[in-house]
Amino acid sequence: MLKQLTVFVENKQGALVDITDTLAANHVNLRALSIADTQDFGLLRLIVNDNDTAASVLQEKGYVLKITDVIGVKIGDQPGKLSTALSVLAQAGVNVEYLYAFMARTEKHAYVVIRPTDNAAAEKALEAASFHLITNADVEKL
């Protein structure tokens, strides 16, 4: 299981650069990210190499954030592989709330971050279908 930081970002010019500059200045490396916006604010979802430092420095700067358990799954970089993983979850009765791609240093695999409604059931189903799950330790090595 992975830890995801969700940062509430004001919808204004320079807000994202402040966050990324803060993380960079504290040697926090981004591994995956997604942003969804509303009229007033955005939700920046991050997978980083150092959750504790990232959370600490962003909170010190006044950002509101939460830490969420998500699943990282290694998927073959071939047509239909993501669909296969999603089918496994659907057959296990697990709904996917959202997902996004993961930056990785490999040409043969893609990494996907999944936020299911039931992490334990999703992990069990994916592992039973021979998918390799990504851990925070794996992220730190990337």
N, C-alpha and C. Protein backbone atom coordinates (compact mmCIF):
# COMPACT_ATOMS: atom_id res chain seq x y z
N MET A 1 0.84 -1.17 0.00
CA MET A 1 0.00 0.00 0.00
C MET A 1 0.89 1.24 0.00
N LEU A 2 0.44 2.26 -0.69
CA LEU A 2 1.16 3.53 -0.78
C LEU A 2 0.46 4.60 0.04
N LYS A 3 1.21 5.60 0.43
CA LYS A 3 0.66 6.78 1.06
C LYS A 3 0.61 7.88 0.01
N GLN A 4 -0.54 8.51 -0.11
CA GLN A 4 -0.73 9.61 -1.05
C GLN A 4 -1.00 10.88 -0.26
N LEU A 5 -0.34 11.95 -0.63
CA LEU A 5 -0.61 13.25 -0.04
C LEU A 5 -1.62 13.97 -0.92
N THR A 6 -2.68 14.46 -0.33
CA THR A 6 -3.63 15.30 -1.04
C THR A 6 -3.53 16.69 -0.45
N VAL A 7 -3.12 17.63 -1.28
CA VAL A 7 -2.90 19.00 -0.84
C VAL A 7 -4.00 19.87 -1.43
N PHE A 8 -4.63 20.66 -0.57
CA PHE A 8 -5.65 21.59 -1.02
C PHE A 8 -4.94 22.87 -1.45
N VAL A 9 -5.11 23.21 -2.73
CA VAL A 9 -4.38 24.31 -3.35
C VAL A 9 -5.35 25.39 -3.79
N GLU A 10 -5.06 26.62 -3.40
CA GLU A 10 -5.88 27.74 -3.84
C GLU A 10 -5.73 27.89 -5.35
N ASN A 11 -6.81 28.16 -6.04
CA ASN A 11 -6.81 28.30 -7.48
C ASN A 11 -6.30 29.69 -7.85
N LYS A 12 -4.98 29.88 -7.80
CA LYS A 12 -4.39 31.17 -8.15
C LYS A 12 -3.02 30.94 -8.77
N GLN A 13 -2.60 31.93 -9.55
CA GLN A 13 -1.32 31.84 -10.24
C GLN A 13 -0.19 31.69 -9.22
N GLY A 14 0.71 30.75 -9.48
CA GLY A 14 1.87 30.55 -8.64
C GLY A 14 1.70 29.56 -7.51
N ALA A 15 0.48 29.11 -7.27
CA ALA A 15 0.24 28.20 -6.14
C ALA A 15 0.98 26.88 -6.33
N LEU A 16 0.93 26.31 -7.51
CA LEU A 16 1.61 25.03 -7.74
C LEU A 16 3.13 25.16 -7.67
N VAL A 17 3.65 26.24 -8.20
CA VAL A 17 5.10 26.42 -8.17
C VAL A 17 5.58 26.59 -6.73
N ASP A 18 4.78 27.21 -5.88
CA ASP A 18 5.16 27.33 -4.47
C ASP A 18 5.29 25.95 -3.83
N ILE A 19 4.36 25.08 -4.14
CA ILE A 19 4.40 23.73 -3.59
C ILE A 19 5.60 22.96 -4.14
N THR A 20 5.76 22.97 -5.45
CA THR A 20 6.86 22.20 -6.04
C THR A 20 8.23 22.77 -5.65
N ASP A 21 8.34 24.09 -5.53
CA ASP A 21 9.60 24.70 -5.06
C ASP A 21 9.90 24.28 -3.62
N THR A 22 8.87 24.28 -2.78
CA THR A 22 9.03 23.90 -1.38
C THR A 22 9.51 22.46 -1.28
N LEU A 23 8.89 21.57 -2.04
CA LEU A 23 9.29 20.17 -2.01
C LEU A 23 10.72 20.00 -2.53
N ALA A 24 11.03 20.65 -3.64
CA ALA A 24 12.38 20.54 -4.21
C ALA A 24 13.44 21.06 -3.24
N ALA A 25 13.17 22.18 -2.59
CA ALA A 25 14.12 22.75 -1.64
C ALA A 25 14.39 21.82 -0.46
N ASN A 26 13.46 20.90 -0.21
CA ASN A 26 13.60 19.96 0.89
C ASN A 26 13.91 18.55 0.42
N HIS A 27 14.38 18.44 -0.82
CA HIS A 27 14.85 17.18 -1.40
C HIS A 27 13.75 16.12 -1.48
N VAL A 28 12.52 16.57 -1.69
CA VAL A 28 11.40 15.64 -1.89
C VAL A 28 11.20 15.51 -3.39
N ASN A 29 11.25 14.26 -3.87
CA ASN A 29 11.12 13.99 -5.29
C ASN A 29 9.71 13.49 -5.60
N LEU A 30 9.09 14.08 -6.60
CA LEU A 30 7.76 13.67 -7.03
C LEU A 30 7.86 12.40 -7.86
N ARG A 31 6.99 11.45 -7.58
CA ARG A 31 6.95 10.20 -8.34
C ARG A 31 5.68 10.09 -9.16
N ALA A 32 4.60 10.64 -8.67
CA ALA A 32 3.34 10.66 -9.41
C ALA A 32 2.54 11.84 -8.90
N LEU A 33 1.70 12.38 -9.77
CA LEU A 33 0.83 13.46 -9.33
C LEU A 33 -0.40 13.56 -10.22
N SER A 34 -1.41 14.12 -9.63
CA SER A 34 -2.66 14.38 -10.33
C SER A 34 -3.27 15.62 -9.70
N ILE A 35 -3.91 16.43 -10.51
CA ILE A 35 -4.60 17.58 -9.94
C ILE A 35 -6.00 17.67 -10.54
N ALA A 36 -6.94 17.92 -9.68
CA ALA A 36 -8.33 18.15 -10.08
C ALA A 36 -8.70 19.51 -9.53
N ASP A 37 -9.44 20.27 -10.30
CA ASP A 37 -9.75 21.61 -9.81
C ASP A 37 -11.24 21.88 -9.74
N THR A 38 -11.55 22.83 -8.89
CA THR A 38 -12.89 23.40 -8.82
C THR A 38 -12.68 24.89 -9.04
N GLN A 39 -13.72 25.67 -8.92
CA GLN A 39 -13.58 27.11 -9.17
C GLN A 39 -12.65 27.78 -8.16
N ASP A 40 -12.67 27.34 -6.92
CA ASP A 40 -11.91 28.02 -5.87
C ASP A 40 -10.62 27.34 -5.45
N PHE A 41 -10.53 26.03 -5.62
CA PHE A 41 -9.34 25.33 -5.16
C PHE A 41 -9.11 24.08 -5.99
N GLY A 42 -7.91 23.53 -5.84
CA GLY A 42 -7.57 22.29 -6.51
C GLY A 42 -7.18 21.25 -5.50
N LEU A 43 -7.26 20.01 -5.91
CA LEU A 43 -6.80 18.87 -5.11
C LEU A 43 -5.57 18.31 -5.81
N LEU A 44 -4.42 18.52 -5.22
CA LEU A 44 -3.17 18.02 -5.77
C LEU A 44 -2.84 16.71 -5.05
N ARG A 45 -2.85 15.63 -5.80
CA ARG A 45 -2.54 14.31 -5.24
C ARG A 45 -1.11 13.97 -5.61
N LEU A 46 -0.33 13.59 -4.61
CA LEU A 46 1.10 13.35 -4.81
C LEU A 46 1.54 12.02 -4.24
N ILE A 47 2.41 11.35 -4.97
CA ILE A 47 3.19 10.24 -4.46
C ILE A 47 4.62 10.75 -4.48
N VAL A 48 5.29 10.72 -3.34
CA VAL A 48 6.64 11.28 -3.23
C VAL A 48 7.58 10.27 -2.59
N ASN A 49 8.86 10.56 -2.66
CA ASN A 49 9.85 9.65 -2.10
C ASN A 49 9.99 9.78 -0.58
N ASP A 50 9.46 10.85 0.00
CA ASP A 50 9.60 11.08 1.45
C ASP A 50 8.33 11.76 1.97
N ASN A 51 7.37 10.93 2.38
CA ASN A 51 6.07 11.45 2.83
C ASN A 51 6.18 12.33 4.06
N ASP A 52 6.99 11.93 5.02
CA ASP A 52 7.09 12.68 6.28
C ASP A 52 7.61 14.09 6.05
N THR A 53 8.68 14.21 5.29
CA THR A 53 9.23 15.53 5.02
C THR A 53 8.25 16.37 4.21
N ALA A 54 7.66 15.78 3.19
CA ALA A 54 6.71 16.52 2.35
C ALA A 54 5.55 17.06 3.18
N ALA A 55 4.96 16.21 3.99
CA ALA A 55 3.82 16.64 4.81
C ALA A 55 4.25 17.73 5.78
N SER A 56 5.39 17.56 6.41
CA SER A 56 5.87 18.53 7.40
C SER A 56 6.11 19.90 6.79
N VAL A 57 6.87 19.96 5.69
CA VAL A 57 7.21 21.27 5.12
C VAL A 57 5.99 21.96 4.51
N LEU A 58 5.07 21.19 3.94
CA LEU A 58 3.87 21.82 3.38
C LEU A 58 2.95 22.33 4.48
N GLN A 59 2.82 21.58 5.56
CA GLN A 59 2.00 22.05 6.68
C GLN A 59 2.62 23.29 7.33
N GLU A 60 3.95 23.31 7.43
CA GLU A 60 4.63 24.49 7.97
C GLU A 60 4.33 25.74 7.14
N LYS A 61 4.14 25.56 5.84
CA LYS A 61 3.81 26.70 4.96
C LYS A 61 2.32 27.02 4.95
N GLY A 62 1.55 26.27 5.75
CA GLY A 62 0.13 26.57 5.88
C GLY A 62 -0.79 25.80 4.96
N TYR A 63 -0.26 24.83 4.23
CA TYR A 63 -1.12 24.05 3.36
C TYR A 63 -1.91 23.03 4.17
N VAL A 64 -3.14 22.86 3.78
CA VAL A 64 -3.99 21.83 4.37
C VAL A 64 -3.82 20.58 3.51
N LEU A 65 -3.54 19.46 4.17
CA LEU A 65 -3.37 18.23 3.41
C LEU A 65 -3.89 17.05 4.21
N LYS A 66 -4.09 15.98 3.50
CA LYS A 66 -4.43 14.72 4.17
C LYS A 66 -3.62 13.61 3.52
N ILE A 67 -3.43 12.55 4.29
CA ILE A 67 -2.69 11.39 3.80
C ILE A 67 -3.68 10.25 3.63
N THR A 68 -3.68 9.66 2.45
CA THR A 68 -4.64 8.62 2.08
C THR A 68 -3.89 7.36 1.66
N ASP A 69 -4.39 6.21 2.06
CA ASP A 69 -3.85 4.95 1.57
C ASP A 69 -4.39 4.70 0.17
N VAL A 70 -3.48 4.42 -0.75
CA VAL A 70 -3.84 4.07 -2.12
C VAL A 70 -3.05 2.83 -2.50
N ILE A 71 -3.31 2.31 -3.66
CA ILE A 71 -2.62 1.12 -4.14
C ILE A 71 -1.82 1.49 -5.38
N GLY A 72 -0.58 1.03 -5.43
CA GLY A 72 0.24 1.18 -6.62
C GLY A 72 0.37 -0.19 -7.26
N VAL A 73 0.13 -0.27 -8.53
CA VAL A 73 0.19 -1.56 -9.21
C VAL A 73 1.06 -1.46 -10.46
N LYS A 74 1.90 -2.46 -10.64
CA LYS A 74 2.77 -2.54 -11.82
C LYS A 74 2.01 -3.28 -12.90
N ILE A 75 1.91 -2.65 -14.04
CA ILE A 75 1.11 -3.20 -15.14
C ILE A 75 1.98 -3.25 -16.39
N GLY A 76 1.94 -4.35 -17.10
CA GLY A 76 2.69 -4.48 -18.34
C GLY A 76 2.30 -3.37 -19.31
N ASP A 77 3.29 -2.83 -20.00
CA ASP A 77 3.05 -1.74 -20.94
C ASP A 77 2.62 -2.30 -22.29
N GLN A 78 1.39 -2.82 -22.31
CA GLN A 78 0.80 -3.40 -23.51
C GLN A 78 -0.68 -3.05 -23.54
N PRO A 79 -1.26 -2.94 -24.72
CA PRO A 79 -2.69 -2.65 -24.80
C PRO A 79 -3.51 -3.68 -24.02
N GLY A 80 -4.45 -3.20 -23.23
CA GLY A 80 -5.37 -4.07 -22.51
C GLY A 80 -4.95 -4.44 -21.10
N LYS A 81 -3.71 -4.15 -20.71
CA LYS A 81 -3.24 -4.55 -19.37
C LYS A 81 -3.96 -3.77 -18.27
N LEU A 82 -4.17 -2.48 -18.46
CA LEU A 82 -4.92 -1.72 -17.46
C LEU A 82 -6.34 -2.23 -17.36
N SER A 83 -6.94 -2.51 -18.50
CA SER A 83 -8.30 -3.05 -18.51
C SER A 83 -8.37 -4.37 -17.75
N THR A 84 -7.35 -5.19 -17.89
CA THR A 84 -7.31 -6.47 -17.15
C THR A 84 -7.30 -6.22 -15.65
N ALA A 85 -6.46 -5.29 -15.19
CA ALA A 85 -6.40 -4.98 -13.76
C ALA A 85 -7.73 -4.43 -13.26
N LEU A 86 -8.34 -3.55 -14.03
CA LEU A 86 -9.63 -2.98 -13.63
C LEU A 86 -10.72 -4.04 -13.62
N SER A 87 -10.64 -4.97 -14.53
CA SER A 87 -11.61 -6.08 -14.56
C SER A 87 -11.48 -6.95 -13.31
N VAL A 88 -10.25 -7.19 -12.89
CA VAL A 88 -10.01 -7.96 -11.66
C VAL A 88 -10.72 -7.28 -10.49
N LEU A 89 -10.57 -5.97 -10.40
CA LEU A 89 -11.21 -5.24 -9.30
C LEU A 89 -12.73 -5.28 -9.42
N ALA A 90 -13.25 -5.09 -10.61
CA ALA A 90 -14.70 -5.14 -10.81
C ALA A 90 -15.25 -6.51 -10.43
N GLN A 91 -14.57 -7.56 -10.83
CA GLN A 91 -15.02 -8.91 -10.50
C GLN A 91 -14.95 -9.19 -9.00
N ALA A 92 -14.05 -8.48 -8.30
CA ALA A 92 -13.93 -8.63 -6.85
C ALA A 92 -14.91 -7.71 -6.10
N GLY A 93 -15.71 -6.96 -6.86
CA GLY A 93 -16.69 -6.08 -6.25
C GLY A 93 -16.09 -4.81 -5.67
N VAL A 94 -14.92 -4.40 -6.18
CA VAL A 94 -14.24 -3.21 -5.69
C VAL A 94 -14.39 -2.08 -6.70
N ASN A 95 -14.92 -0.96 -6.25
CA ASN A 95 -15.08 0.21 -7.11
C ASN A 95 -13.81 1.05 -7.08
N VAL A 96 -13.45 1.64 -8.21
CA VAL A 96 -12.30 2.53 -8.30
C VAL A 96 -12.82 3.96 -8.25
N GLU A 97 -12.36 4.72 -7.25
CA GLU A 97 -12.77 6.11 -7.12
C GLU A 97 -12.03 7.01 -8.10
N TYR A 98 -10.74 6.76 -8.28
CA TYR A 98 -9.93 7.47 -9.26
C TYR A 98 -8.63 6.72 -9.46
N LEU A 99 -7.90 7.06 -10.51
CA LEU A 99 -6.57 6.52 -10.74
C LEU A 99 -5.78 7.50 -11.57
N TYR A 100 -4.47 7.35 -11.53
CA TYR A 100 -3.60 8.17 -12.36
C TYR A 100 -2.29 7.43 -12.58
N ALA A 101 -1.57 7.87 -13.60
CA ALA A 101 -0.33 7.19 -13.98
C ALA A 101 0.81 7.58 -13.06
N PHE A 102 1.84 6.78 -13.10
CA PHE A 102 2.98 6.88 -12.22
C PHE A 102 4.23 7.04 -13.05
N MET A 103 5.12 7.94 -12.68
CA MET A 103 6.38 8.09 -13.39
C MET A 103 7.33 7.00 -12.94
N ALA A 104 7.89 6.27 -13.90
CA ALA A 104 8.79 5.17 -13.53
C ALA A 104 9.93 5.09 -14.53
N ARG A 105 11.00 4.48 -14.11
CA ARG A 105 12.17 4.32 -14.96
C ARG A 105 12.20 2.91 -15.55
N THR A 106 11.25 2.62 -16.38
CA THR A 106 11.22 1.32 -17.03
C THR A 106 10.49 1.46 -18.36
N GLU A 107 10.87 0.66 -19.31
CA GLU A 107 10.20 0.71 -20.60
C GLU A 107 9.19 -0.41 -20.76
N LYS A 108 9.24 -1.39 -19.88
CA LYS A 108 8.38 -2.55 -20.05
C LYS A 108 7.16 -2.53 -19.15
N HIS A 109 7.11 -1.60 -18.21
CA HIS A 109 5.99 -1.55 -17.29
C HIS A 109 5.52 -0.13 -17.08
N ALA A 110 4.27 -0.01 -16.74
CA ALA A 110 3.70 1.26 -16.30
C ALA A 110 3.27 1.07 -14.86
N TYR A 111 3.26 2.14 -14.11
CA TYR A 111 2.78 2.08 -12.74
C TYR A 111 1.53 2.95 -12.65
N VAL A 112 0.54 2.44 -11.95
CA VAL A 112 -0.73 3.14 -11.82
C VAL A 112 -1.08 3.24 -10.35
N VAL A 113 -1.53 4.41 -9.93
CA VAL A 113 -2.02 4.62 -8.57
C VAL A 113 -3.53 4.49 -8.61
N ILE A 114 -4.08 3.65 -7.76
CA ILE A 114 -5.52 3.39 -7.73
C ILE A 114 -6.06 3.70 -6.35
N ARG A 115 -7.15 4.42 -6.30
CA ARG A 115 -7.86 4.66 -5.04
C ARG A 115 -9.17 3.88 -5.12
N PRO A 116 -9.19 2.67 -4.56
CA PRO A 116 -10.41 1.87 -4.56
C PRO A 116 -11.25 2.16 -3.32
N THR A 117 -12.47 1.68 -3.34
CA THR A 117 -13.33 1.84 -2.17
C THR A 117 -12.92 0.91 -1.05
N ASP A 118 -12.21 -0.16 -1.36
CA ASP A 118 -11.77 -1.14 -0.36
C ASP A 118 -10.35 -1.57 -0.69
N ASN A 119 -9.37 -0.97 -0.01
CA ASN A 119 -7.96 -1.27 -0.29
C ASN A 119 -7.61 -2.73 -0.08
N ALA A 120 -8.06 -3.30 1.02
CA ALA A 120 -7.70 -4.69 1.33
C ALA A 120 -8.24 -5.64 0.27
N ALA A 121 -9.48 -5.46 -0.12
CA ALA A 121 -10.08 -6.33 -1.14
C ALA A 121 -9.39 -6.14 -2.49
N ALA A 122 -9.04 -4.90 -2.81
CA ALA A 122 -8.37 -4.62 -4.08
C ALA A 122 -6.99 -5.27 -4.10
N GLU A 123 -6.24 -5.12 -3.01
CA GLU A 123 -4.92 -5.73 -2.95
C GLU A 123 -5.01 -7.24 -3.09
N LYS A 124 -5.93 -7.84 -2.39
CA LYS A 124 -6.10 -9.29 -2.43
C LYS A 124 -6.43 -9.76 -3.85
N ALA A 125 -7.35 -9.07 -4.50
CA ALA A 125 -7.77 -9.46 -5.85
C ALA A 125 -6.63 -9.30 -6.85
N LEU A 126 -5.91 -8.17 -6.78
CA LEU A 126 -4.82 -7.94 -7.72
C LEU A 126 -3.67 -8.92 -7.51
N GLU A 127 -3.33 -9.17 -6.26
CA GLU A 127 -2.26 -10.14 -5.98
C GLU A 127 -2.65 -11.54 -6.44
N ALA A 128 -3.91 -11.91 -6.24
CA ALA A 128 -4.38 -13.23 -6.69
C ALA A 128 -4.32 -13.36 -8.21
N ALA A 129 -4.42 -12.22 -8.90
CA ALA A 129 -4.33 -12.22 -10.36
C ALA A 129 -2.89 -11.99 -10.84
N SER A 130 -1.93 -12.11 -9.92
CA SER A 130 -0.50 -12.02 -10.21
C SER A 130 0.00 -10.62 -10.57
N PHE A 131 -0.70 -9.60 -10.12
CA PHE A 131 -0.20 -8.24 -10.30
C PHE A 131 0.76 -7.93 -9.16
N HIS A 132 1.83 -7.21 -9.46
CA HIS A 132 2.80 -6.80 -8.45
C HIS A 132 2.37 -5.46 -7.88
N LEU A 133 2.18 -5.39 -6.56
CA LEU A 133 1.80 -4.14 -5.92
C LEU A 133 3.04 -3.37 -5.51
N ILE A 134 2.96 -2.08 -5.58
CA ILE A 134 4.07 -1.19 -5.28
C ILE A 134 3.93 -0.70 -3.84
N THR A 135 5.05 -0.64 -3.13
CA THR A 135 5.05 -0.18 -1.74
C THR A 135 5.77 1.16 -1.64
N ASN A 136 5.67 1.80 -0.49
CA ASN A 136 6.42 3.03 -0.27
C ASN A 136 7.91 2.77 -0.40
N ALA A 137 8.38 1.61 0.02
CA ALA A 137 9.81 1.29 -0.12
C ALA A 137 10.21 1.26 -1.60
N ASP A 138 9.34 0.75 -2.47
CA ASP A 138 9.61 0.73 -3.91
C ASP A 138 9.71 2.16 -4.44
N VAL A 139 8.83 3.04 -3.99
CA VAL A 139 8.81 4.43 -4.44
C VAL A 139 10.11 5.13 -4.04
N GLU A 140 10.58 4.86 -2.85
CA GLU A 140 11.82 5.49 -2.38
C GLU A 140 13.01 5.12 -3.23
N LYS A 141 12.98 3.96 -3.89
CA LYS A 141 14.08 3.49 -4.73
C LYS A 141 14.05 4.08 -6.13
N LEU A 142 12.93 4.61 -6.55
CA LEU A 142 12.81 5.13 -7.93
C LEU A 142 13.57 6.43 -8.10
